[in-house]
Amino acid sequence: MINVTKMNNMNITINSDLIETIEETPDTVITLTTGKKLLVKESRQEIVNLVKLYKKELFSRYINDKEYS
């Protein structure tokens, strides 16, 4: 899950696994696998970085849990 800001300054949390594409047109449009499109303030690169950080956090928790099992 990542937090993004819609153009009306509303903060929302989206499931990063549902992101199909991210386009800058010049505004950033996130298209989900459901077909829904979200117009957000963050740049494409910021969203990519948020997803990477989230995935890294998830995998590090998984690895830590395995070490203590």
Foldseek 3Di string as FASTA:
>chain_A
DFWFAAPVRDIDDDDPVQFDDWDPPVFIWTAGVVRDITTTRDGPVVVVVRVVVVVVVVVVVVVVVVVVD
